[in-house]
Amino acid sequence: MKKGIIIVIVVVAVAILQFSHFMKSQPSKVEVAQTEAIDFVIDKIEVSSDGTYLFYDATGKLFTNYTFDAPKEIIKGDHIMQDANSSELFVYRFDSKGNKQVYLKVNRK
């Protein structure tokens, strides 16, 4: 009986240590601030077979810095920007007069 309890305690302790190690290896939300600025103009939008929206610029480069919660709202011509070392990501859209307006603001903290 005592041997069984010791085995259970050891297994639980090892599981807790492994979980702690796993959580430490995951990037925290605070670390999402970009060290370089983002300046991305959407030129092409594709929907993959799993329903994921893929955004490309005019050179064919895929936008991989962030996954939007409601990607259907983002359209061709939208401008995705983020200042260096900032946690705020902006999607700008130009109105009919050519004025740039903030369409979406995402706080990545």
PDB file of N, CA and C in Angstrom:
ATOM      1  N   MET A   1       0.823  -1.201   0.000  1.00  0.00           N
ATOM      2  CA  MET A   1       0.000   0.000   0.000  1.00  0.00           C
ATOM      3  C   MET A   1       0.866   1.265   0.000  1.00  0.00           C
ATOM      4  N   LYS A   2       1.881   1.309   0.851  1.00  0.00           N
ATOM      5  CA  LYS A   2       2.757   2.470   0.902  1.00  0.00           C
ATOM      6  C   LYS A   2       3.521   2.625  -0.407  1.00  0.00           C
ATOM      7  N   LYS A   3       3.881   1.517  -1.015  1.00  0.00           N
ATOM      8  CA  LYS A   3       4.614   1.554  -2.269  1.00  0.00           C
ATOM      9  C   LYS A   3       3.751   2.183  -3.370  1.00  0.00           C
ATOM     10  N   GLY A   4       2.463   1.872  -3.395  1.00  0.00           N
ATOM     11  CA  GLY A   4       1.538   2.447  -4.373  1.00  0.00           C
ATOM     12  C   GLY A   4       1.374   3.948  -4.192  1.00  0.00           C
ATOM     13  N   ILE A   5       1.300   4.388  -2.962  1.00  0.00           N
ATOM     14  CA  ILE A   5       1.154   5.827  -2.671  1.00  0.00           C
ATOM     15  C   ILE A   5       2.409   6.574  -3.108  1.00  0.00           C
ATOM     16  N   ILE A   6       3.568   5.998  -2.846  1.00  0.00           N
ATOM     17  CA  ILE A   6       4.832   6.634  -3.243  1.00  0.00           C
ATOM     18  C   ILE A   6       4.906   6.739  -4.762  1.00  0.00           C
ATOM     19  N   ILE A   7       4.492   5.706  -5.470  1.00  0.00           N
ATOM     20  CA  ILE A   7       4.512   5.734  -6.929  1.00  0.00           C
ATOM     21  C   ILE A   7       3.580   6.830  -7.449  1.00  0.00           C
ATOM     22  N   VAL A   8       2.392   6.948  -6.868  1.00  0.00           N
ATOM     23  CA  VAL A   8       1.438   7.985  -7.284  1.00  0.00           C
ATOM     24  C   VAL A   8       2.029   9.370  -7.032  1.00  0.00           C
ATOM     25  N   ILE A   9       2.649   9.575  -5.899  1.00  0.00           N
ATOM     26  CA  ILE A   9       3.245  10.880  -5.573  1.00  0.00           C
ATOM     27  C   ILE A   9       4.359  11.211  -6.558  1.00  0.00           C
ATOM     28  N   VAL A  10       5.192  10.243  -6.878  1.00  0.00           N
ATOM     29  CA  VAL A  10       6.285  10.474  -7.823  1.00  0.00           C
ATOM     30  C   VAL A  10       5.731  10.797  -9.214  1.00  0.00           C
ATOM     31  N   VAL A  11       4.732  10.070  -9.654  1.00  0.00           N
ATOM     32  CA  VAL A  11       4.139  10.315 -10.973  1.00  0.00           C
ATOM     33  C   VAL A  11       3.515  11.710 -11.021  1.00  0.00           C
ATOM     34  N   VAL A  12       2.799  12.112  -9.994  1.00  0.00           N
ATOM     35  CA  VAL A  12       2.188  13.444  -9.949  1.00  0.00           C
ATOM     36  C   VAL A  12       3.271  14.522  -9.942  1.00  0.00           C
ATOM     37  N   ALA A  13       4.333  14.324  -9.171  1.00  0.00           N
ATOM     38  CA  ALA A  13       5.416  15.306  -9.110  1.00  0.00           C
ATOM     39  C   ALA A  13       6.091  15.456 -10.473  1.00  0.00           C
ATOM     40  N   VAL A  14       6.346  14.344 -11.150  1.00  0.00           N
ATOM     41  CA  VAL A  14       6.964  14.399 -12.477  1.00  0.00           C
ATOM     42  C   VAL A  14       6.030  15.099 -13.467  1.00  0.00           C
ATOM     43  N   ALA A  15       4.743  14.811 -13.395  1.00  0.00           N
ATOM     44  CA  ALA A  15       3.778  15.453 -14.292  1.00  0.00           C
ATOM     45  C   ALA A  15       3.746  16.961 -14.066  1.00  0.00           C
ATOM     46  N   ILE A  16       3.788  17.387 -12.826  1.00  0.00           N
ATOM     47  CA  ILE A  16       3.785  18.825 -12.516  1.00  0.00           C
ATOM     48  C   ILE A  16       5.049  19.485 -13.035  1.00  0.00           C
ATOM     49  N   LEU A  17       6.193  18.839 -12.857  1.00  0.00           N
ATOM     50  CA  LEU A  17       7.454  19.395 -13.352  1.00  0.00           C
ATOM     51  C   LEU A  17       7.454  19.499 -14.879  1.00  0.00           C
ATOM     52  N   GLN A  18       6.946  18.486 -15.556  1.00  0.00           N
ATOM     53  CA  GLN A  18       6.887  18.531 -17.017  1.00  0.00           C
ATOM     54  C   GLN A  18       5.943  19.629 -17.481  1.00  0.00           C
ATOM     55  N   PHE A  19       4.809  19.783 -16.842  1.00  0.00           N
ATOM     56  CA  PHE A  19       3.861  20.837 -17.210  1.00  0.00           C
ATOM     57  C   PHE A  19       4.487  22.214 -16.999  1.00  0.00           C
ATOM     58  N   SER A  20       5.194  22.392 -15.894  1.00  0.00           N
ATOM     59  CA  SER A  20       5.853  23.677 -15.619  1.00  0.00           C
ATOM     60  C   SER A  20       6.898  23.983 -16.686  1.00  0.00           C
ATOM     61  N   HIS A  21       7.679  22.982 -17.049  1.00  0.00           N
ATOM     62  CA  HIS A  21       8.700  23.173 -18.085  1.00  0.00           C
ATOM     63  C   HIS A  21       8.042  23.531 -19.417  1.00  0.00           C
ATOM     64  N   PHE A  22       6.956  22.857 -19.763  1.00  0.00           N
ATOM     65  CA  PHE A  22       6.237  23.141 -21.006  1.00  0.00           C
ATOM     66  C   PHE A  22       5.711  24.567 -21.013  1.00  0.00           C
ATOM     67  N   MET A  23       5.133  25.021 -19.917  1.00  0.00           N
ATOM     68  CA  MET A  23       4.566  26.371 -19.862  1.00  0.00           C
ATOM     69  C   MET A  23       5.651  27.434 -19.949  1.00  0.00           C
ATOM     70  N   LYS A  24       6.821  27.172 -19.391  1.00  0.00           N
ATOM     71  CA  LYS A  24       7.916  28.141 -19.471  1.00  0.00           C
ATOM     72  C   LYS A  24       8.449  28.266 -20.893  1.00  0.00           C
ATOM     73  N   SER A  25       8.361  27.187 -21.664  1.00  0.00           N
ATOM     74  CA  SER A  25       8.874  27.224 -23.031  1.00  0.00           C
ATOM     75  C   SER A  25       7.910  27.916 -23.989  1.00  0.00           C
ATOM     76  N   GLN A  26       6.653  28.133 -23.599  1.00  0.00           N
ATOM     77  CA  GLN A  26       5.681  28.811 -24.445  1.00  0.00           C
ATOM     78  C   GLN A  26       5.909  30.319 -24.372  1.00  0.00           C
ATOM     79  N   PRO A  27       5.812  31.015 -25.509  1.00  0.00           N
ATOM     80  CA  PRO A  27       5.997  32.468 -25.466  1.00  0.00           C
ATOM     81  C   PRO A  27       4.858  33.133 -24.713  1.00  0.00           C
ATOM     82  N   SER A  28       5.190  34.072 -23.875  1.00  0.00           N
ATOM     83  CA  SER A  28       4.150  34.782 -23.133  1.00  0.00           C
ATOM     84  C   SER A  28       3.536  35.852 -24.026  1.00  0.00           C
ATOM     85  N   LYS A  29       2.371  36.331 -23.646  1.00  0.00           N
ATOM     86  CA  LYS A  29       1.695  37.347 -24.440  1.00  0.00           C
ATOM     87  C   LYS A  29       2.480  38.652 -24.451  1.00  0.00           C
ATOM     88  N   VAL A  30       3.290  38.885 -23.431  1.00  0.00           N
ATOM     89  CA  VAL A  30       4.074  40.109 -23.363  1.00  0.00           C
ATOM     90  C   VAL A  30       5.167  40.097 -24.427  1.00  0.00           C
ATOM     91  N   GLU A  31       5.616  38.918 -24.831  1.00  0.00           N
ATOM     92  CA  GLU A  31       6.723  38.807 -25.771  1.00  0.00           C
ATOM     93  C   GLU A  31       6.312  39.017 -27.215  1.00  0.00           C
ATOM     94  N   VAL A  32       5.045  39.299 -27.496  1.00  0.00           N
ATOM     95  CA  VAL A  32       4.610  39.420 -28.877  1.00  0.00           C
ATOM     96  C   VAL A  32       4.955  40.756 -29.512  1.00  0.00           C
ATOM     97  N   ALA A  33       5.466  41.702 -28.734  1.00  0.00           N
ATOM     98  CA  ALA A  33       5.843  42.983 -29.312  1.00  0.00           C
ATOM     99  C   ALA A  33       6.954  42.759 -30.331  1.00  0.00           C
ATOM    100  N   GLN A  34       6.782  43.312 -31.501  1.00  0.00           N
ATOM    101  CA  GLN A  34       7.749  43.138 -32.578  1.00  0.00           C
ATOM    102  C   GLN A  34       8.953  44.023 -32.333  1.00  0.00           C
ATOM    103  N   THR A  35      10.134  43.491 -32.629  1.00  0.00           N
ATOM    104  CA  THR A  35      11.327  44.309 -32.536  1.00  0.00           C
ATOM    105  C   THR A  35      11.506  45.128 -33.808  1.00  0.00           C
ATOM    106  N   GLU A  36      10.843  44.719 -34.890  1.00  0.00           N
ATOM    107  CA  GLU A  36      10.878  45.462 -36.144  1.00  0.00           C
ATOM    108  C   GLU A  36       9.456  45.922 -36.481  1.00  0.00           C
ATOM    109  N   ALA A  37       9.371  47.017 -37.187  1.00  0.00           N
ATOM    110  CA  ALA A  37       8.067  47.542 -37.575  1.00  0.00           C
ATOM    111  C   ALA A  37       7.455  46.668 -38.670  1.00  0.00           C
ATOM    112  N   ILE A  38       6.126  46.634 -38.701  1.00  0.00           N
ATOM    113  CA  ILE A  38       5.392  45.921 -39.741  1.00  0.00           C
ATOM    114  C   ILE A  38       4.728  46.957 -40.637  1.00  0.00           C
ATOM    115  N   ASP A  39       4.888  46.796 -41.920  1.00  0.00           N
ATOM    116  CA  ASP A  39       4.258  47.670 -42.912  1.00  0.00           C
ATOM    117  C   ASP A  39       3.870  46.771 -44.081  1.00  0.00           C
ATOM    118  N   PHE A  40       2.604  46.343 -44.102  1.00  0.00           N
ATOM    119  CA  PHE A  40       2.150  45.313 -45.041  1.00  0.00           C
ATOM    120  C   PHE A  40       0.862  45.767 -45.708  1.00  0.00           C
ATOM    121  N   VAL A  41       0.862  45.822 -47.038  1.00  0.00           N
ATOM    122  CA  VAL A  41      -0.331  46.192 -47.792  1.00  0.00           C
ATOM    123  C   VAL A  41      -0.888  44.924 -48.429  1.00  0.00           C
ATOM    124  N   ILE A  42      -2.144  44.619 -48.147  1.00  0.00           N
ATOM    125  CA  ILE A  42      -2.759  43.394 -48.650  1.00  0.00           C
ATOM    126  C   ILE A  42      -3.115  43.568 -50.125  1.00  0.00           C
ATOM    127  N   ASP A  43      -2.572  42.666 -50.937  1.00  0.00           N
ATOM    128  CA  ASP A  43      -2.828  42.703 -52.359  1.00  0.00           C
ATOM    129  C   ASP A  43      -3.664  41.509 -52.819  1.00  0.00           C
ATOM    130  N   LYS A  44      -3.581  40.414 -52.069  1.00  0.00           N
ATOM    131  CA  LYS A  44      -4.289  39.196 -52.464  1.00  0.00           C
ATOM    132  C   LYS A  44      -4.709  38.436 -51.208  1.00  0.00           C
ATOM    133  N   ILE A  45      -5.925  37.888 -51.230  1.00  0.00           N
ATOM    134  CA  ILE A  45      -6.442  37.113 -50.099  1.00  0.00           C
ATOM    135  C   ILE A  45      -6.862  35.744 -50.617  1.00  0.00           C
ATOM    136  N   GLU A  46      -6.399  34.706 -49.930  1.00  0.00           N
ATOM    137  CA  GLU A  46      -6.797  33.342 -50.261  1.00  0.00           C
ATOM    138  C   GLU A  46      -7.389  32.690 -49.019  1.00  0.00           C
ATOM    139  N   VAL A  47      -8.286  31.744 -49.243  1.00  0.00           N
ATOM    140  CA  VAL A  47      -8.834  30.957 -48.150  1.00  0.00           C
ATOM    141  C   VAL A  47      -8.344  29.522 -48.347  1.00  0.00           C
ATOM    142  N   SER A  48      -7.628  29.001 -47.356  1.00  0.00           N
ATOM    143  CA  SER A  48      -7.093  27.646 -47.462  1.00  0.00           C
ATOM    144  C   SER A  48      -8.198  26.621 -47.219  1.00  0.00           C
ATOM    145  N   SER A  49      -7.867  25.366 -47.420  1.00  0.00           N
ATOM    146  CA  SER A  49      -8.866  24.295 -47.277  1.00  0.00           C
ATOM    147  C   SER A  49      -9.404  24.173 -45.859  1.00  0.00           C
ATOM    148  N   ASP A  50      -8.622  24.605 -44.861  1.00  0.00           N
ATOM    149  CA  ASP A  50      -9.094  24.538 -43.478  1.00  0.00           C
ATOM    150  C   ASP A  50      -9.809  25.818 -43.037  1.00  0.00           C
ATOM    151  N   GLY A  51     -10.040  26.745 -43.960  1.00  0.00           N
ATOM    152  CA  GLY A  51     -10.772  27.966 -43.642  1.00  0.00           C
ATOM    153  C   GLY A  51      -9.905  29.111 -43.172  1.00  0.00           C
ATOM    154  N   THR A  52      -8.600  28.931 -43.144  1.00  0.00           N
ATOM    155  CA  THR A  52      -7.675  29.976 -42.733  1.00  0.00           C
ATOM    156  C   THR A  52      -7.505  30.988 -43.861  1.00  0.00           C
ATOM    157  N   TYR A  53      -7.536  32.264 -43.526  1.00  0.00           N
ATOM    158  CA  TYR A  53      -7.332  33.320 -44.505  1.00  0.00           C
ATOM    159  C   TYR A  53      -5.846  33.614 -44.623  1.00  0.00           C
ATOM    160  N   LEU A  54      -5.366  33.692 -45.847  1.00  0.00           N
ATOM    161  CA  LEU A  54      -3.959  33.978 -46.115  1.00  0.00           C
ATOM    162  C   LEU A  54      -3.882  35.319 -46.829  1.00  0.00           C
ATOM    163  N   PHE A  55      -3.046  36.218 -46.306  1.00  0.00           N
ATOM    164  CA  PHE A  55      -2.900  37.554 -46.859  1.00  0.00           C
ATOM    165  C   PHE A  55      -1.525  37.682 -47.512  1.00  0.00           C
ATOM    166  N   TYR A  56      -1.509  38.183 -48.756  1.00  0.00           N
ATOM    167  CA  TYR A  56      -0.269  38.360 -49.504  1.00  0.00           C
ATOM    168  C   TYR A  56      -0.123  39.816 -49.917  1.00  0.00           C
ATOM    169  N   ASP A  57       1.148  40.264 -50.014  1.00  0.00           N
ATOM    170  CA  ASP A  57       1.389  41.613 -50.537  1.00  0.00           C
ATOM    171  C   ASP A  57       1.629  41.523 -52.043  1.00  0.00           C
ATOM    172  N   ALA A  58       1.986  42.634 -52.666  1.00  0.00           N
ATOM    173  CA  ALA A  58       2.150  42.691 -54.121  1.00  0.00           C
ATOM    174  C   ALA A  58       3.304  41.818 -54.608  1.00  0.00           C
ATOM    175  N   THR A  59       4.277  41.551 -53.751  1.00  0.00           N
ATOM    176  CA  THR A  59       5.417  40.714 -54.151  1.00  0.00           C
ATOM    177  C   THR A  59       5.152  39.230 -53.907  1.00  0.00           C
ATOM    178  N   GLY A  60       4.006  38.903 -53.325  1.00  0.00           N
ATOM    179  CA  GLY A  60       3.663  37.512 -53.055  1.00  0.00           C
ATOM    180  C   GLY A  60       4.080  37.031 -51.679  1.00  0.00           C
ATOM    181  N   LYS A  61       4.557  37.956 -50.836  1.00  0.00           N
ATOM    182  CA  LYS A  61       4.981  37.591 -49.480  1.00  0.00           C
ATOM    183  C   LYS A  61       3.751  37.365 -48.602  1.00  0.00           C
ATOM    184  N   LEU A  62       3.754  36.262 -47.866  1.00  0.00           N
ATOM    185  CA  LEU A  62       2.648  35.903 -46.974  1.00  0.00           C
ATOM    186  C   LEU A  62       2.780  36.632 -45.644  1.00  0.00           C
ATOM    187  N   PHE A  63       1.687  37.184 -45.146  1.00  0.00           N
ATOM    188  CA  PHE A  63       1.666  37.842 -43.831  1.00  0.00           C
ATOM    189  C   PHE A  63       1.524  36.769 -42.761  1.00  0.00           C
ATOM    190  N   THR A  64       2.523  36.642 -41.894  1.00  0.00           N
ATOM    191  CA  THR A  64       2.524  35.587 -40.880  1.00  0.00           C
ATOM    192  C   THR A  64       2.659  36.118 -39.462  1.00  0.00           C
ATOM    193  N   ASN A  65       2.623  37.427 -39.272  1.00  0.00           N
ATOM    194  CA  ASN A  65       2.884  37.999 -37.959  1.00  0.00           C
ATOM    195  C   ASN A  65       1.727  37.886 -36.978  1.00  0.00           C
ATOM    196  N   TYR A  66       0.516  37.692 -37.481  1.00  0.00           N
ATOM    197  CA  TYR A  66      -0.645  37.686 -36.593  1.00  0.00           C
ATOM    198  C   TYR A  66      -1.799  36.973 -37.292  1.00  0.00           C
ATOM    199  N   THR A  67      -2.625  36.294 -36.519  1.00  0.00           N
ATOM    200  CA  THR A  67      -3.833  35.667 -37.039  1.00  0.00           C
ATOM    201  C   THR A  67      -5.028  36.458 -36.518  1.00  0.00           C
ATOM    202  N   PHE A  68      -5.809  36.998 -37.413  1.00  0.00           N
ATOM    203  CA  PHE A  68      -6.939  37.843 -37.034  1.00  0.00           C
ATOM    204  C   PHE A  68      -8.138  37.002 -36.622  1.00  0.00           C
ATOM    205  N   ASP A  69      -8.902  37.499 -35.637  1.00  0.00           N
ATOM    206  CA  ASP A  69     -10.094  36.800 -35.161  1.00  0.00           C
ATOM    207  C   ASP A  69     -11.208  36.792 -36.208  1.00  0.00           C
ATOM    208  N   ALA A  70     -11.338  37.871 -36.945  1.00  0.00           N
ATOM    209  CA  ALA A  70     -12.392  37.984 -37.956  1.00  0.00           C
ATOM    210  C   ALA A  70     -11.761  38.376 -39.296  1.00  0.00           C
ATOM    211  N   PRO A  71     -11.060  37.443 -39.934  1.00  0.00           N
ATOM    212  CA  PRO A  71     -10.319  37.799 -41.147  1.00  0.00           C
ATOM    213  C   PRO A  71     -11.208  38.160 -42.335  1.00  0.00           C
ATOM    214  N   LYS A  72     -12.484  37.773 -42.301  1.00  0.00           N
ATOM    215  CA  LYS A  72     -13.385  38.089 -43.415  1.00  0.00           C
ATOM    216  C   LYS A  72     -13.566  39.590 -43.582  1.00  0.00           C
ATOM    217  N   GLU A  73     -13.341  40.342 -42.512  1.00  0.00           N
ATOM    218  CA  GLU A  73     -13.536  41.791 -42.541  1.00  0.00           C
ATOM    219  C   GLU A  73     -12.382  42.519 -43.214  1.00  0.00           C
ATOM    220  N   ILE A  74     -11.251  41.862 -43.362  1.00  0.00           N
ATOM    221  CA  ILE A  74     -10.070  42.484 -43.959  1.00  0.00           C
ATOM    222  C   ILE A  74     -10.139  42.275 -45.467  1.00  0.00           C
ATOM    223  N   ILE A  75      -9.904  43.357 -46.212  1.00  0.00           N
ATOM    224  CA  ILE A  75     -10.054  43.298 -47.667  1.00  0.00           C
ATOM    225  C   ILE A  75      -8.758  43.714 -48.365  1.00  0.00           C
ATOM    226  N   LYS A  76      -8.729  43.453 -49.658  1.00  0.00           N
ATOM    227  CA  LYS A  76      -7.595  43.861 -50.485  1.00  0.00           C
ATOM    228  C   LYS A  76      -7.430  45.371 -50.396  1.00  0.00           C
ATOM    229  N   GLY A  77      -6.207  45.813 -50.247  1.00  0.00           N
ATOM    230  CA  GLY A  77      -5.918  47.241 -50.134  1.00  0.00           C
ATOM    231  C   GLY A  77      -5.752  47.706 -48.705  1.00  0.00           C
ATOM    232  N   ASP A  78      -6.181  46.900 -47.720  1.00  0.00           N
ATOM    233  CA  ASP A  78      -5.969  47.268 -46.320  1.00  0.00           C
ATOM    234  C   ASP A  78      -4.477  47.286 -46.021  1.00  0.00           C
ATOM    235  N   HIS A  79      -4.101  48.126 -45.099  1.00  0.00           N
ATOM    236  CA  HIS A  79      -2.702  48.356 -44.742  1.00  0.00           C
ATOM    237  C   HIS A  79      -2.505  47.930 -43.295  1.00  0.00           C
ATOM    238  N   ILE A  80      -1.679  46.910 -43.059  1.00  0.00           N
ATOM    239  CA  ILE A  80      -1.397  46.426 -41.707  1.00  0.00           C
ATOM    240  C   ILE A  80      -0.083  47.050 -41.251  1.00  0.00           C
ATOM    241  N   MET A  81      -0.132  47.716 -40.094  1.00  0.00           N
ATOM    242  CA  MET A  81       1.067  48.398 -39.590  1.00  0.00           C
ATOM    243  C   MET A  81       1.228  48.161 -38.093  1.00  0.00           C
ATOM    244  N   GLN A  82       2.490  48.109 -37.680  1.00  0.00           N
ATOM    245  CA  GLN A  82       2.830  48.050 -36.269  1.00  0.00           C
ATOM    246  C   GLN A  82       4.183  48.714 -36.095  1.00  0.00           C
ATOM    247  N   ASP A  83       4.281  49.616 -35.126  1.00  0.00           N
ATOM    248  CA  ASP A  83       5.556  50.258 -34.833  1.00  0.00           C
ATOM    249  C   ASP A  83       6.500  49.266 -34.179  1.00  0.00           C
ATOM    250  N   ALA A  84       7.781  49.505 -34.326  1.00  0.00           N
ATOM    251  CA  ALA A  84       8.781  48.652 -33.693  1.00  0.00           C
ATOM    252  C   ALA A  84       8.602  48.690 -32.179  1.00  0.00           C
ATOM    253  N   ASN A  85       8.756  47.548 -31.550  1.00  0.00           N
ATOM    254  CA  ASN A  85       8.650  47.389 -30.097  1.00  0.00           C
ATOM    255  C   ASN A  85       7.299  47.829 -29.545  1.00  0.00           C
ATOM    256  N   SER A  86       6.273  47.725 -30.353  1.00  0.00           N
ATOM    257  CA  SER A  86       4.914  48.071 -29.929  1.00  0.00           C
ATOM    258  C   SER A  86       4.087  46.796 -29.866  1.00  0.00           C
ATOM    259  N   SER A  87       3.084  46.793 -29.009  1.00  0.00           N
ATOM    260  CA  SER A  87       2.189  45.642 -28.930  1.00  0.00           C
ATOM    261  C   SER A  87       0.875  45.910 -29.651  1.00  0.00           C
ATOM    262  N   GLU A  88       0.744  47.089 -30.265  1.00  0.00           N
ATOM    263  CA  GLU A  88      -0.491  47.447 -30.958  1.00  0.00           C
ATOM    264  C   GLU A  88      -0.320  47.300 -32.468  1.00  0.00           C
ATOM    265  N   LEU A  89      -1.221  46.534 -33.060  1.00  0.00           N
ATOM    266  CA  LEU A  89      -1.240  46.300 -34.499  1.00  0.00           C
ATOM    267  C   LEU A  89      -2.457  47.033 -35.069  1.00  0.00           C
ATOM    268  N   PHE A  90      -2.253  47.772 -36.147  1.00  0.00           N
ATOM    269  CA  PHE A  90      -3.333  48.543 -36.757  1.00  0.00           C
ATOM    270  C   PHE A  90      -3.610  48.051 -38.171  1.00  0.00           C
ATOM    271  N   VAL A  91      -4.883  48.029 -38.525  1.00  0.00           N
ATOM    272  CA  VAL A  91      -5.291  47.804 -39.910  1.00  0.00           C
ATOM    273  C   VAL A  91      -5.928  49.105 -40.374  1.00  0.00           C
ATOM    274  N   TYR A  92      -5.322  49.708 -41.397  1.00  0.00           N
ATOM    275  CA  TYR A  92      -5.828  50.965 -41.943  1.00  0.00           C
ATOM    276  C   TYR A  92      -6.567  50.677 -43.235  1.00  0.00           C
ATOM    277  N   ARG A  93      -7.587  51.476 -43.484  1.00  0.00           N
ATOM    278  CA  ARG A  93      -8.354  51.384 -44.724  1.00  0.00           C
ATOM    279  C   ARG A  93      -8.526  52.807 -45.264  1.00  0.00           C
ATOM    280  N   PHE A  94      -8.444  52.924 -46.567  1.00  0.00           N
ATOM    281  CA  PHE A  94      -8.620  54.231 -47.204  1.00  0.00           C
ATOM    282  C   PHE A  94     -10.081  54.407 -47.592  1.00  0.00           C
ATOM    283  N   ASP A  95     -10.639  55.574 -47.268  1.00  0.00           N
ATOM    284  CA  ASP A  95     -12.029  55.840 -47.634  1.00  0.00           C
ATOM    285  C   ASP A  95     -12.100  56.322 -49.088  1.00  0.00           C
ATOM    286  N   SER A  96     -13.289  56.672 -49.539  1.00  0.00           N
ATOM    287  CA  SER A  96     -13.483  57.061 -50.945  1.00  0.00           C
ATOM    288  C   SER A  96     -12.729  58.342 -51.312  1.00  0.00           C
ATOM    289  N   LYS A  97     -12.400  59.154 -50.312  1.00  0.00           N
ATOM    290  CA  LYS A  97     -11.644  60.385 -50.558  1.00  0.00           C
ATOM    291  C   LYS A  97     -10.140  60.172 -50.480  1.00  0.00           C
ATOM    292  N   GLY A  98      -9.715  58.947 -50.149  1.00  0.00           N
ATOM    293  CA  GLY A  98      -8.290  58.648 -50.067  1.00  0.00           C
ATOM    294  C   GLY A  98      -7.687  58.905 -48.700  1.00  0.00           C
ATOM    295  N   ASN A  99      -8.527  59.159 -47.712  1.00  0.00           N
ATOM    296  CA  ASN A  99      -8.030  59.395 -46.360  1.00  0.00           C
ATOM    297  C   ASN A  99      -7.829  58.059 -45.641  1.00  0.00           C
ATOM    298  N   LYS A 100      -6.702  57.942 -44.965  1.00  0.00           N
ATOM    299  CA  LYS A 100      -6.392  56.720 -44.223  1.00  0.00           C
ATOM    300  C   LYS A 100      -7.095  56.761 -42.875  1.00  0.00           C
ATOM    301  N   GLN A 101      -7.837  55.695 -42.576  1.00  0.00           N
ATOM    302  CA  GLN A 101      -8.559  55.609 -41.307  1.00  0.00           C
ATOM    303  C   GLN A 101      -8.211  54.295 -40.614  1.00  0.00           C
ATOM    304  N   VAL A 102      -8.176  54.338 -39.288  1.00  0.00           N
ATOM    305  CA  VAL A 102      -7.952  53.121 -38.524  1.00  0.00           C
ATOM    306  C   VAL A 102      -9.206  52.264 -38.630  1.00  0.00           C
ATOM    307  N   TYR A 103      -9.076  51.084 -39.224  1.00  0.00           N
ATOM    308  CA  TYR A 103     -10.214  50.186 -39.371  1.00  0.00           C
ATOM    309  C   TYR A 103     -10.261  49.206 -38.211  1.00  0.00           C
ATOM    310  N   LEU A 104      -9.092  48.744 -37.760  1.00  0.00           N
ATOM    311  CA  LEU A 104      -9.020  47.757 -36.709  1.00  0.00           C
ATOM    312  C   LEU A 104      -7.761  47.996 -35.887  1.00  0.00           C
ATOM    313  N   LYS A 105      -7.894  47.901 -34.572  1.00  0.00           N
ATOM    314  CA  LYS A 105      -6.744  48.037 -33.677  1.00  0.00           C
ATOM    315  C   LYS A 105      -6.710  46.789 -32.800  1.00  0.00           C
ATOM    316  N   VAL A 106      -5.558  46.139 -32.768  1.00  0.00           N
ATOM    317  CA  VAL A 106      -5.398  44.913 -31.988  1.00  0.00           C
ATOM    318  C   VAL A 106      -4.288  45.128 -30.974  1.00  0.00           C
ATOM    319  N   ASN A 107      -4.610  44.943 -29.708  1.00  0.00           N
ATOM    320  CA  ASN A 107      -3.600  45.014 -28.651  1.00  0.00           C
ATOM    321  C   ASN A 107      -3.087  43.595 -28.431  1.00  0.00           C
ATOM    322  N   ARG A 108      -1.837  43.356 -28.725  1.00  0.00           N
ATOM    323  CA  ARG A 108      -1.268  42.008 -28.706  1.00  0.00           C
ATOM    324  C   ARG A 108      -0.639  41.661 -27.369  1.00  0.00           C
ATOM    325  N   LYS A 109      -0.966  42.366 -26.303  1.00  0.00           N
ATOM    326  CA  LYS A 109      -0.424  42.041 -24.967  1.00  0.00           C
ATOM    327  C   LYS A 109      -1.197  40.924 -24.356  1.00  0.00           C
TER     328      LYS A 109
END
